[in-house]
Amino acid sequence: MAKRIVLSALVLLVMAAVALIVVPADRSGPFVLENFFVPASDYSIEVTVLRPKGLGPFGVVVLNHGVGATREERMLESPEPFLRSAAAFAERGYAVVMPLRRGFGATGGGYAESPGACGDPDFRHGERAASTDVLAAYRFAQKLPYVDPTRMILAGQSAGGVVSLYAASESPPGLQAVIAFAAGRGADAAG
C-alpha cells in the first residue's frame, strides 16, 4: 500500500513537471511589459513600461528607484522590485514607466548623482543629474501612442522620492501629482 502511494505521488509530480514545461504560462497576464533605451543628452537610459493591455489612453506613473550604498548594489538595480507596485497602478489604468538612471543596472555608465563628500555635500548637483534622467523618461512617456500626456504622476521611494520631488519642481507639463515614499538621501550607510 505504501509503495502504491509513493508511486502515485511520484507520477503526479512528474505529470506536474511535464505540464509546466509543455504548457507555457501567460507571463504578461492582463499587462504589457516593454523595454526601451531612451536618449538623454549624450547617453541612453533603460526604461521599462508596464501597462494595461489596450489602446488607452492611459495616465502615466514615472516610478523611480532608490540608491544602493555601493557600486555593486547600484549595478544590480532593476525594475523587478517595483513590478508589484507597478501592477497596482496598472490595474487602475496607468502605464508605469520605470527608468534606470545613469550608473544603475542596464543603463550603466558613471554614477552621476553623488553629492560629493559627506563633510560638504552638494545634493542639488546630484538631484539635477537624477532629474535629467527622470525627465527624459517623462518626456518619452508622453509621446507613447497609448498615453494621455496630461495625466502624469512622478513617484518614487527613498532617493527616488527625492528625485521625483526635484523633477516636479521643474513644472513639467501634464504633471498632476507627486508621490514620495520614505523620501530621503544622504544617510550614513555604515550606521
N, C-alpha and C. Protein backbone atom coordinates (compact mmCIF):
# COMPACT_ATOMS: atom_id res chain seq x y z
N MET A 1 0.81 -1.18 0.00
CA MET A 1 0.00 0.00 0.00
C MET A 1 0.86 1.26 0.00
N ALA A 2 1.91 1.27 0.84
CA ALA A 2 2.79 2.43 0.93
C ALA A 2 3.51 2.64 -0.39
N LYS A 3 3.91 1.52 -1.05
CA LYS A 3 4.57 1.64 -2.35
C LYS A 3 3.65 2.29 -3.36
N ARG A 4 2.37 1.92 -3.35
CA ARG A 4 1.40 2.47 -4.29
C ARG A 4 1.22 3.97 -4.07
N ILE A 5 1.17 4.42 -2.82
CA ILE A 5 1.02 5.84 -2.50
C ILE A 5 2.25 6.62 -2.98
N VAL A 6 3.44 6.08 -2.70
CA VAL A 6 4.68 6.74 -3.13
C VAL A 6 4.73 6.79 -4.65
N LEU A 7 4.38 5.70 -5.32
CA LEU A 7 4.39 5.65 -6.78
C LEU A 7 3.37 6.64 -7.36
N SER A 8 2.19 6.71 -6.77
CA SER A 8 1.16 7.67 -7.24
C SER A 8 1.65 9.10 -7.07
N ALA A 9 2.25 9.38 -5.94
CA ALA A 9 2.77 10.74 -5.69
C ALA A 9 3.86 11.08 -6.69
N LEU A 10 4.73 10.11 -6.99
CA LEU A 10 5.80 10.32 -7.95
C LEU A 10 5.24 10.59 -9.34
N VAL A 11 4.24 9.83 -9.74
CA VAL A 11 3.60 10.03 -11.06
C VAL A 11 2.98 11.42 -11.13
N LEU A 12 2.31 11.85 -10.07
CA LEU A 12 1.70 13.19 -10.05
C LEU A 12 2.75 14.28 -10.17
N LEU A 13 3.87 14.11 -9.47
CA LEU A 13 4.94 15.10 -9.55
C LEU A 13 5.52 15.18 -10.96
N VAL A 14 5.73 14.04 -11.60
CA VAL A 14 6.25 14.01 -12.97
C VAL A 14 5.26 14.68 -13.92
N MET A 15 3.96 14.37 -13.76
CA MET A 15 2.95 14.98 -14.63
C MET A 15 2.91 16.50 -14.44
N ALA A 16 3.05 16.97 -13.20
CA ALA A 16 3.05 18.41 -12.94
C ALA A 16 4.27 19.06 -13.58
N ALA A 17 5.42 18.42 -13.48
CA ALA A 17 6.63 18.96 -14.10
C ALA A 17 6.49 19.03 -15.61
N VAL A 18 5.95 17.99 -16.23
CA VAL A 18 5.74 17.98 -17.68
C VAL A 18 4.76 19.09 -18.08
N ALA A 19 3.70 19.29 -17.30
CA ALA A 19 2.73 20.34 -17.60
C ALA A 19 3.39 21.71 -17.55
N LEU A 20 4.29 21.93 -16.61
CA LEU A 20 4.99 23.22 -16.53
C LEU A 20 5.88 23.44 -17.74
N ILE A 21 6.46 22.39 -18.27
CA ILE A 21 7.35 22.51 -19.42
C ILE A 21 6.55 22.65 -20.71
N VAL A 22 5.51 21.87 -20.87
CA VAL A 22 4.74 21.82 -22.12
C VAL A 22 3.75 22.97 -22.23
N VAL A 23 3.11 23.37 -21.15
CA VAL A 23 2.09 24.41 -21.20
C VAL A 23 2.73 25.72 -20.74
N PRO A 24 2.99 26.65 -21.66
CA PRO A 24 3.63 27.90 -21.25
C PRO A 24 2.68 28.76 -20.42
N ALA A 25 3.23 29.37 -19.40
CA ALA A 25 2.44 30.28 -18.57
C ALA A 25 2.29 31.61 -19.29
N ASP A 26 1.16 32.28 -19.08
CA ASP A 26 0.96 33.62 -19.62
C ASP A 26 1.63 34.59 -18.67
N ARG A 27 2.88 34.93 -18.95
CA ARG A 27 3.67 35.76 -18.05
C ARG A 27 3.17 37.19 -17.98
N SER A 28 2.57 37.69 -19.04
CA SER A 28 2.18 39.10 -19.03
C SER A 28 0.85 39.32 -18.33
N GLY A 29 0.02 38.29 -18.20
CA GLY A 29 -1.29 38.45 -17.57
C GLY A 29 -2.06 39.54 -18.28
N PRO A 30 -2.70 40.41 -17.51
CA PRO A 30 -3.51 41.46 -18.13
C PRO A 30 -2.68 42.67 -18.56
N PHE A 31 -1.35 42.59 -18.47
CA PHE A 31 -0.49 43.73 -18.75
C PHE A 31 0.46 43.47 -19.91
N VAL A 32 1.02 44.56 -20.42
CA VAL A 32 2.07 44.52 -21.44
C VAL A 32 3.34 45.04 -20.78
N LEU A 33 4.44 44.33 -20.94
CA LEU A 33 5.73 44.74 -20.40
C LEU A 33 6.64 45.06 -21.58
N GLU A 34 7.19 46.29 -21.60
CA GLU A 34 8.03 46.73 -22.70
C GLU A 34 9.32 47.33 -22.15
N ASN A 35 10.40 47.20 -22.91
CA ASN A 35 11.68 47.80 -22.55
C ASN A 35 12.16 48.69 -23.69
N PHE A 36 12.72 49.84 -23.31
CA PHE A 36 13.22 50.80 -24.28
C PHE A 36 14.56 51.33 -23.79
N PHE A 37 15.36 51.83 -24.72
CA PHE A 37 16.50 52.67 -24.36
C PHE A 37 16.18 54.05 -24.86
N VAL A 38 16.14 55.00 -23.95
CA VAL A 38 15.67 56.34 -24.23
C VAL A 38 16.86 57.30 -24.26
N PRO A 39 17.00 58.07 -25.34
CA PRO A 39 18.09 59.05 -25.39
C PRO A 39 17.92 60.14 -24.33
N ALA A 40 19.02 60.45 -23.68
CA ALA A 40 19.05 61.53 -22.68
C ALA A 40 20.42 62.21 -22.83
N SER A 41 20.48 63.30 -23.57
CA SER A 41 21.72 64.01 -23.83
C SER A 41 22.65 63.12 -24.66
N ASP A 42 23.86 62.83 -24.18
CA ASP A 42 24.81 62.02 -24.96
C ASP A 42 24.87 60.57 -24.48
N TYR A 43 23.84 60.08 -23.86
CA TYR A 43 23.76 58.71 -23.37
C TYR A 43 22.30 58.27 -23.47
N SER A 44 22.04 57.01 -23.15
CA SER A 44 20.67 56.49 -23.14
C SER A 44 20.41 55.82 -21.79
N ILE A 45 19.15 55.86 -21.38
CA ILE A 45 18.77 55.18 -20.14
C ILE A 45 17.78 54.07 -20.48
N GLU A 46 17.85 52.99 -19.72
CA GLU A 46 16.88 51.92 -19.90
C GLU A 46 15.59 52.30 -19.20
N VAL A 47 14.48 52.10 -19.90
CA VAL A 47 13.16 52.39 -19.36
C VAL A 47 12.29 51.17 -19.56
N THR A 48 11.67 50.69 -18.51
CA THR A 48 10.73 49.58 -18.57
C THR A 48 9.33 50.15 -18.36
N VAL A 49 8.38 49.70 -19.19
CA VAL A 49 7.00 50.14 -19.07
C VAL A 49 6.11 48.93 -18.81
N LEU A 50 5.29 49.02 -17.79
CA LEU A 50 4.25 48.03 -17.52
C LEU A 50 2.93 48.77 -17.68
N ARG A 51 2.07 48.26 -18.55
CA ARG A 51 0.82 48.97 -18.82
C ARG A 51 -0.30 47.98 -19.04
N PRO A 52 -1.54 48.48 -18.90
CA PRO A 52 -2.67 47.60 -19.22
C PRO A 52 -2.68 47.28 -20.71
N LYS A 53 -3.26 46.15 -21.06
CA LYS A 53 -3.45 45.85 -22.48
C LYS A 53 -4.50 46.81 -23.03
N GLY A 54 -4.39 47.13 -24.28
CA GLY A 54 -5.37 48.02 -24.90
C GLY A 54 -4.72 49.27 -25.45
N LEU A 55 -5.57 50.10 -26.03
CA LEU A 55 -5.10 51.29 -26.72
C LEU A 55 -4.96 52.52 -25.83
N GLY A 56 -5.56 52.49 -24.65
CA GLY A 56 -5.50 53.66 -23.79
C GLY A 56 -6.56 54.66 -24.19
N PRO A 57 -6.39 55.92 -23.94
CA PRO A 57 -5.17 56.49 -23.38
C PRO A 57 -5.08 56.28 -21.86
N PHE A 58 -3.87 56.00 -21.41
CA PHE A 58 -3.59 55.75 -20.01
C PHE A 58 -2.84 56.93 -19.41
N GLY A 59 -3.14 57.23 -18.15
CA GLY A 59 -2.29 58.14 -17.41
C GLY A 59 -0.96 57.44 -17.18
N VAL A 60 0.04 58.17 -16.71
CA VAL A 60 1.38 57.61 -16.52
C VAL A 60 1.86 57.86 -15.11
N VAL A 61 2.50 56.84 -14.53
CA VAL A 61 3.25 56.98 -13.29
C VAL A 61 4.71 56.72 -13.65
N VAL A 62 5.57 57.72 -13.45
CA VAL A 62 7.01 57.52 -13.61
C VAL A 62 7.52 57.13 -12.23
N LEU A 63 7.89 55.86 -12.08
CA LEU A 63 8.22 55.26 -10.79
C LEU A 63 9.73 55.14 -10.65
N ASN A 64 10.30 55.83 -9.67
CA ASN A 64 11.76 55.97 -9.54
C ASN A 64 12.34 55.19 -8.37
N HIS A 65 13.45 54.51 -8.65
CA HIS A 65 14.14 53.68 -7.66
C HIS A 65 15.01 54.52 -6.73
N GLY A 66 15.42 53.88 -5.64
CA GLY A 66 16.34 54.50 -4.69
C GLY A 66 17.78 54.31 -5.12
N VAL A 67 18.70 54.45 -4.16
CA VAL A 67 20.13 54.36 -4.45
C VAL A 67 20.78 53.37 -3.48
N GLY A 68 21.43 52.37 -4.04
CA GLY A 68 22.20 51.44 -3.22
C GLY A 68 23.45 52.11 -2.68
N ALA A 69 23.97 51.60 -1.58
CA ALA A 69 25.12 52.21 -0.92
C ALA A 69 26.42 51.98 -1.68
N THR A 70 26.50 50.90 -2.46
CA THR A 70 27.75 50.58 -3.15
C THR A 70 27.52 50.53 -4.66
N ARG A 71 28.62 50.60 -5.40
CA ARG A 71 28.53 50.49 -6.86
C ARG A 71 27.91 49.16 -7.25
N GLU A 72 28.29 48.09 -6.56
CA GLU A 72 27.75 46.76 -6.87
C GLU A 72 26.23 46.74 -6.71
N GLU A 73 25.74 47.33 -5.63
CA GLU A 73 24.28 47.39 -5.42
C GLU A 73 23.60 48.21 -6.52
N ARG A 74 24.23 49.33 -6.91
CA ARG A 74 23.63 50.17 -7.96
C ARG A 74 23.60 49.44 -9.30
N MET A 75 24.61 48.65 -9.57
CA MET A 75 24.65 47.93 -10.85
C MET A 75 23.65 46.77 -10.88
N LEU A 76 23.18 46.32 -9.73
CA LEU A 76 22.17 45.27 -9.67
C LEU A 76 20.75 45.83 -9.74
N GLU A 77 20.61 47.15 -9.72
CA GLU A 77 19.28 47.78 -9.76
C GLU A 77 18.53 47.34 -11.01
N SER A 78 17.24 47.09 -10.84
CA SER A 78 16.38 46.70 -11.96
C SER A 78 14.96 47.09 -11.61
N PRO A 79 14.06 47.05 -12.60
CA PRO A 79 12.66 47.34 -12.30
C PRO A 79 11.97 46.21 -11.53
N GLU A 80 12.60 45.06 -11.43
CA GLU A 80 11.99 43.87 -10.81
C GLU A 80 11.35 44.15 -9.44
N PRO A 81 12.03 44.84 -8.51
CA PRO A 81 11.40 45.07 -7.21
C PRO A 81 10.15 45.95 -7.28
N PHE A 82 9.97 46.68 -8.37
CA PHE A 82 8.83 47.58 -8.49
C PHE A 82 7.65 46.99 -9.26
N LEU A 83 7.79 45.78 -9.77
CA LEU A 83 6.72 45.24 -10.62
C LEU A 83 5.41 45.07 -9.87
N ARG A 84 5.45 44.72 -8.61
CA ARG A 84 4.20 44.61 -7.84
C ARG A 84 3.52 45.95 -7.69
N SER A 85 4.30 46.97 -7.32
CA SER A 85 3.74 48.32 -7.21
C SER A 85 3.24 48.80 -8.57
N ALA A 86 4.03 48.53 -9.61
CA ALA A 86 3.63 48.93 -10.96
C ALA A 86 2.32 48.26 -11.35
N ALA A 87 2.17 46.99 -11.01
CA ALA A 87 0.93 46.27 -11.33
C ALA A 87 -0.27 46.89 -10.61
N ALA A 88 -0.06 47.37 -9.38
CA ALA A 88 -1.16 48.02 -8.65
C ALA A 88 -1.63 49.27 -9.38
N PHE A 89 -0.69 50.04 -9.92
CA PHE A 89 -1.06 51.22 -10.71
C PHE A 89 -1.69 50.80 -12.04
N ALA A 90 -1.11 49.79 -12.70
CA ALA A 90 -1.63 49.34 -13.99
C ALA A 90 -3.06 48.81 -13.86
N GLU A 91 -3.35 48.14 -12.74
CA GLU A 91 -4.72 47.66 -12.50
C GLU A 91 -5.71 48.81 -12.44
N ARG A 92 -5.22 49.99 -12.15
CA ARG A 92 -6.08 51.17 -12.05
C ARG A 92 -6.01 52.04 -13.31
N GLY A 93 -5.45 51.47 -14.39
CA GLY A 93 -5.48 52.14 -15.68
C GLY A 93 -4.30 53.04 -15.99
N TYR A 94 -3.17 52.85 -15.32
CA TYR A 94 -1.99 53.66 -15.58
C TYR A 94 -0.90 52.84 -16.27
N ALA A 95 -0.18 53.49 -17.16
CA ALA A 95 1.07 52.94 -17.67
C ALA A 95 2.15 53.36 -16.68
N VAL A 96 3.00 52.43 -16.29
CA VAL A 96 4.03 52.72 -15.30
C VAL A 96 5.38 52.67 -15.99
N VAL A 97 6.08 53.78 -15.93
CA VAL A 97 7.39 53.95 -16.58
C VAL A 97 8.44 53.90 -15.48
N MET A 98 9.38 52.95 -15.62
CA MET A 98 10.41 52.74 -14.60
C MET A 98 11.79 52.96 -15.20
N PRO A 99 12.32 54.19 -15.08
CA PRO A 99 13.65 54.45 -15.65
C PRO A 99 14.76 53.96 -14.72
N LEU A 100 15.85 53.51 -15.33
CA LEU A 100 17.08 53.23 -14.59
C LEU A 100 18.03 54.38 -14.91
N ARG A 101 18.33 55.19 -13.91
CA ARG A 101 19.14 56.37 -14.11
C ARG A 101 20.61 56.00 -14.37
N ARG A 102 21.40 56.98 -14.77
CA ARG A 102 22.84 56.76 -15.03
C ARG A 102 23.53 56.16 -13.81
N GLY A 103 24.33 55.14 -14.08
CA GLY A 103 25.06 54.48 -13.01
C GLY A 103 24.31 53.35 -12.35
N PHE A 104 23.16 52.96 -12.94
CA PHE A 104 22.33 51.91 -12.36
C PHE A 104 22.02 50.84 -13.40
N GLY A 105 22.07 49.57 -12.97
CA GLY A 105 21.61 48.43 -13.76
C GLY A 105 22.03 48.46 -15.21
N ALA A 106 21.09 48.15 -16.10
CA ALA A 106 21.36 48.03 -17.53
C ALA A 106 21.73 49.37 -18.18
N THR A 107 21.38 50.48 -17.55
CA THR A 107 21.79 51.78 -18.09
C THR A 107 23.30 51.92 -17.98
N GLY A 108 23.85 51.49 -16.86
CA GLY A 108 25.30 51.54 -16.67
C GLY A 108 25.83 52.97 -16.67
N GLY A 109 27.11 53.09 -17.00
CA GLY A 109 27.74 54.40 -17.03
C GLY A 109 28.15 54.85 -15.65
N GLY A 110 28.62 56.09 -15.60
CA GLY A 110 29.07 56.65 -14.34
C GLY A 110 27.91 57.07 -13.45
N TYR A 111 28.12 57.00 -12.16
CA TYR A 111 27.12 57.39 -11.17
C TYR A 111 27.11 58.91 -11.09
N ALA A 112 26.06 59.52 -11.61
CA ALA A 112 26.00 60.98 -11.75
C ALA A 112 25.38 61.68 -10.55
N GLU A 113 24.83 60.93 -9.59
CA GLU A 113 24.04 61.51 -8.51
C GLU A 113 24.81 61.75 -7.22
N SER A 114 26.08 61.47 -7.21
CA SER A 114 26.84 61.61 -5.97
C SER A 114 26.83 63.06 -5.50
N PRO A 115 26.48 63.28 -4.23
CA PRO A 115 26.50 64.64 -3.71
C PRO A 115 27.90 65.09 -3.29
N GLY A 116 28.89 64.21 -3.44
CA GLY A 116 30.25 64.56 -3.04
C GLY A 116 30.54 64.15 -1.62
N ALA A 117 31.49 64.82 -1.02
CA ALA A 117 31.97 64.48 0.32
C ALA A 117 30.90 64.72 1.37
N CYS A 118 30.85 63.86 2.37
CA CYS A 118 29.87 63.98 3.45
C CYS A 118 30.04 65.27 4.23
N GLY A 119 31.26 65.76 4.34
CA GLY A 119 31.52 66.99 5.09
C GLY A 119 30.96 68.23 4.41
N ASP A 120 30.81 68.17 3.09
CA ASP A 120 30.29 69.33 2.34
C ASP A 120 29.50 68.82 1.13
N PRO A 121 28.37 68.17 1.39
CA PRO A 121 27.63 67.57 0.27
C PRO A 121 26.93 68.63 -0.60
N ASP A 122 26.84 68.34 -1.88
CA ASP A 122 26.11 69.19 -2.83
C ASP A 122 24.95 68.36 -3.39
N PHE A 123 23.87 68.30 -2.63
CA PHE A 123 22.73 67.48 -3.03
C PHE A 123 22.06 68.02 -4.29
N ARG A 124 22.10 69.33 -4.50
CA ARG A 124 21.49 69.88 -5.71
C ARG A 124 22.13 69.33 -6.97
N HIS A 125 23.45 69.19 -6.94
CA HIS A 125 24.16 68.62 -8.10
C HIS A 125 23.64 67.22 -8.42
N GLY A 126 23.55 66.38 -7.39
CA GLY A 126 23.07 65.01 -7.59
C GLY A 126 21.62 64.97 -8.04
N GLU A 127 20.78 65.81 -7.46
CA GLU A 127 19.36 65.82 -7.85
C GLU A 127 19.16 66.34 -9.26
N ARG A 128 19.97 67.32 -9.66
CA ARG A 128 19.87 67.81 -11.06
C ARG A 128 20.20 66.68 -12.03
N ALA A 129 21.26 65.94 -11.75
CA ALA A 129 21.65 64.83 -12.63
C ALA A 129 20.56 63.77 -12.66
N ALA A 130 20.04 63.41 -11.49
CA ALA A 130 18.99 62.39 -11.43
C ALA A 130 17.73 62.86 -12.14
N SER A 131 17.34 64.12 -11.93
CA SER A 131 16.11 64.62 -12.55
C SER A 131 16.25 64.75 -14.06
N THR A 132 17.46 64.94 -14.57
CA THR A 132 17.67 64.95 -16.02
C THR A 132 17.23 63.62 -16.61
N ASP A 133 17.61 62.53 -15.97
CA ASP A 133 17.23 61.20 -16.46
C ASP A 133 15.74 60.94 -16.29
N VAL A 134 15.20 61.32 -15.14
CA VAL A 134 13.77 61.11 -14.87
C VAL A 134 12.92 61.91 -15.86
N LEU A 135 13.30 63.15 -16.11
CA LEU A 135 12.52 63.97 -17.04
C LEU A 135 12.67 63.50 -18.49
N ALA A 136 13.80 62.88 -18.83
CA ALA A 136 13.93 62.28 -20.17
C ALA A 136 12.92 61.14 -20.32
N ALA A 137 12.79 60.32 -19.28
CA ALA A 137 11.80 59.23 -19.31
C ALA A 137 10.39 59.80 -19.32
N TYR A 138 10.15 60.85 -18.59
CA TYR A 138 8.84 61.52 -18.53
C TYR A 138 8.42 62.01 -19.92
N ARG A 139 9.33 62.75 -20.59
CA ARG A 139 9.02 63.26 -21.94
C ARG A 139 8.82 62.12 -22.93
N PHE A 140 9.63 61.07 -22.81
CA PHE A 140 9.47 59.89 -23.67
C PHE A 140 8.09 59.29 -23.48
N ALA A 141 7.68 59.13 -22.22
CA ALA A 141 6.37 58.53 -21.92
C ALA A 141 5.24 59.34 -22.53
N GLN A 142 5.34 60.65 -22.49
CA GLN A 142 4.27 61.49 -23.02
C GLN A 142 4.06 61.30 -24.52
N LYS A 143 5.06 60.79 -25.22
CA LYS A 143 4.97 60.59 -26.67
C LYS A 143 4.49 59.20 -27.06
N LEU A 144 4.33 58.31 -26.08
CA LEU A 144 3.88 56.96 -26.40
C LEU A 144 2.43 57.01 -26.89
N PRO A 145 2.08 56.19 -27.89
CA PRO A 145 0.76 56.31 -28.51
C PRO A 145 -0.42 55.96 -27.61
N TYR A 146 -0.18 55.24 -26.53
CA TYR A 146 -1.26 54.81 -25.64
C TYR A 146 -1.35 55.67 -24.38
N VAL A 147 -0.66 56.82 -24.36
CA VAL A 147 -0.57 57.66 -23.17
C VAL A 147 -1.38 58.94 -23.32
N ASP A 148 -2.02 59.34 -22.22
CA ASP A 148 -2.63 60.66 -22.11
C ASP A 148 -1.58 61.57 -21.47
N PRO A 149 -0.92 62.44 -22.23
CA PRO A 149 0.19 63.24 -21.69
C PRO A 149 -0.23 64.30 -20.69
N THR A 150 -1.52 64.45 -20.45
CA THR A 150 -1.98 65.43 -19.47
C THR A 150 -2.23 64.80 -18.10
N ARG A 151 -2.02 63.47 -17.98
CA ARG A 151 -2.27 62.75 -16.72
C ARG A 151 -0.99 62.06 -16.26
N MET A 152 -0.04 62.86 -15.77
CA MET A 152 1.27 62.35 -15.40
C MET A 152 1.46 62.43 -13.88
N ILE A 153 2.11 61.41 -13.33
CA ILE A 153 2.45 61.36 -11.92
C ILE A 153 3.92 60.99 -11.80
N LEU A 154 4.64 61.68 -10.92
CA LEU A 154 6.01 61.31 -10.57
C LEU A 154 5.96 60.62 -9.21
N ALA A 155 6.60 59.47 -9.08
CA ALA A 155 6.59 58.72 -7.82
C ALA A 155 7.93 58.04 -7.61
N GLY A 156 8.25 57.76 -6.37
CA GLY A 156 9.48 57.04 -6.08
C GLY A 156 9.64 56.80 -4.60
N GLN A 157 10.61 55.93 -4.28
CA GLN A 157 10.90 55.62 -2.89
C GLN A 157 12.34 56.00 -2.58
N SER A 158 12.55 56.44 -1.35
CA SER A 158 13.87 56.84 -0.88
C SER A 158 14.43 57.94 -1.79
N ALA A 159 15.62 57.75 -2.34
CA ALA A 159 16.19 58.76 -3.25
C ALA A 159 15.31 58.94 -4.48
N GLY A 160 14.56 57.91 -4.86
CA GLY A 160 13.61 58.04 -5.97
C GLY A 160 12.47 58.98 -5.64
N GLY A 161 12.09 59.05 -4.36
CA GLY A 161 11.09 60.01 -3.92
C GLY A 161 11.64 61.43 -3.97
N VAL A 162 12.90 61.60 -3.57
CA VAL A 162 13.52 62.92 -3.61
C VAL A 162 13.64 63.39 -5.05
N VAL A 163 14.11 62.53 -5.95
CA VAL A 163 14.26 62.96 -7.35
C VAL A 163 12.89 63.24 -7.97
N SER A 164 11.86 62.55 -7.53
CA SER A 164 10.50 62.85 -8.03
C SER A 164 10.10 64.26 -7.63
N LEU A 165 10.37 64.63 -6.39
CA LEU A 165 10.07 65.99 -5.92
C LEU A 165 10.90 67.03 -6.67
N TYR A 166 12.18 66.73 -6.87
CA TYR A 166 13.07 67.66 -7.57
C TYR A 166 12.63 67.84 -9.02
N ALA A 167 12.29 66.73 -9.69
CA ALA A 167 11.83 66.81 -11.08
C ALA A 167 10.52 67.59 -11.16
N ALA A 168 9.65 67.41 -10.17
CA ALA A 168 8.38 68.14 -10.15
C ALA A 168 8.61 69.64 -10.03
N SER A 169 9.70 70.03 -9.37
CA SER A 169 9.99 71.47 -9.22
C SER A 169 10.28 72.13 -10.56
N GLU A 170 10.53 71.34 -11.58
CA GLU A 170 10.75 71.86 -12.94
C GLU A 170 9.43 72.12 -13.66
N SER A 171 8.32 71.83 -13.01
CA SER A 171 6.97 72.04 -13.56
C SER A 171 6.79 71.43 -14.95
N PRO A 172 7.05 70.13 -15.09
CA PRO A 172 6.86 69.52 -16.41
C PRO A 172 5.39 69.53 -16.80
N PRO A 173 5.09 69.74 -18.07
CA PRO A 173 3.68 69.80 -18.50
C PRO A 173 2.96 68.47 -18.25
N GLY A 174 1.71 68.57 -17.83
CA GLY A 174 0.89 67.40 -17.62
C GLY A 174 0.97 66.80 -16.23
N LEU A 175 1.89 67.31 -15.39
CA LEU A 175 2.07 66.73 -14.05
C LEU A 175 0.85 67.02 -13.19
N GLN A 176 0.27 65.94 -12.63
CA GLN A 176 -0.91 66.05 -11.78
C GLN A 176 -0.61 65.78 -10.31
N ALA A 177 0.42 64.98 -10.02
CA ALA A 177 0.69 64.62 -8.64
C ALA A 177 2.12 64.10 -8.49
N VAL A 178 2.59 64.13 -7.25
CA VAL A 178 3.89 63.54 -6.88
C VAL A 178 3.64 62.66 -5.67
N ILE A 179 4.19 61.44 -5.70
CA ILE A 179 4.08 60.51 -4.59
C ILE A 179 5.50 60.15 -4.16
N ALA A 180 5.87 60.50 -2.94
CA ALA A 180 7.21 60.22 -2.43
C ALA A 180 7.10 59.28 -1.24
N PHE A 181 7.59 58.05 -1.40
CA PHE A 181 7.57 57.04 -0.34
C PHE A 181 8.91 57.11 0.41
N ALA A 182 8.89 57.44 1.69
CA ALA A 182 10.10 57.47 2.52
C ALA A 182 11.23 58.22 1.81
N ALA A 183 10.91 59.41 1.29
CA ALA A 183 11.89 60.19 0.52
C ALA A 183 13.06 60.60 1.40
N GLY A 184 14.26 60.44 0.87
CA GLY A 184 15.45 60.85 1.58
C GLY A 184 16.70 60.48 0.82
N ARG A 185 17.79 61.12 1.19
CA ARG A 185 19.07 60.85 0.56
C ARG A 185 20.15 61.31 1.53
N GLY A 186 21.29 60.63 1.50
CA GLY A 186 22.42 61.08 2.29
C GLY A 186 22.54 60.42 3.64
N ALA A 187 21.92 59.27 3.84
CA ALA A 187 22.04 58.57 5.13
C ALA A 187 23.43 58.01 5.31
N ASP A 188 23.78 57.77 6.54
CA ASP A 188 25.07 57.17 6.88
C ASP A 188 24.97 55.67 6.62
N ALA A 189 25.58 55.21 5.53
CA ALA A 189 25.47 53.81 5.13
C ALA A 189 26.06 52.87 6.18
N ALA A 190 27.06 53.31 6.92
CA ALA A 190 27.68 52.46 7.92
C ALA A 190 26.88 52.42 9.21
N GLY A 191 26.02 53.41 9.44
CA GLY A 191 25.31 53.47 10.70
C GLY A 191 23.85 53.24 10.55
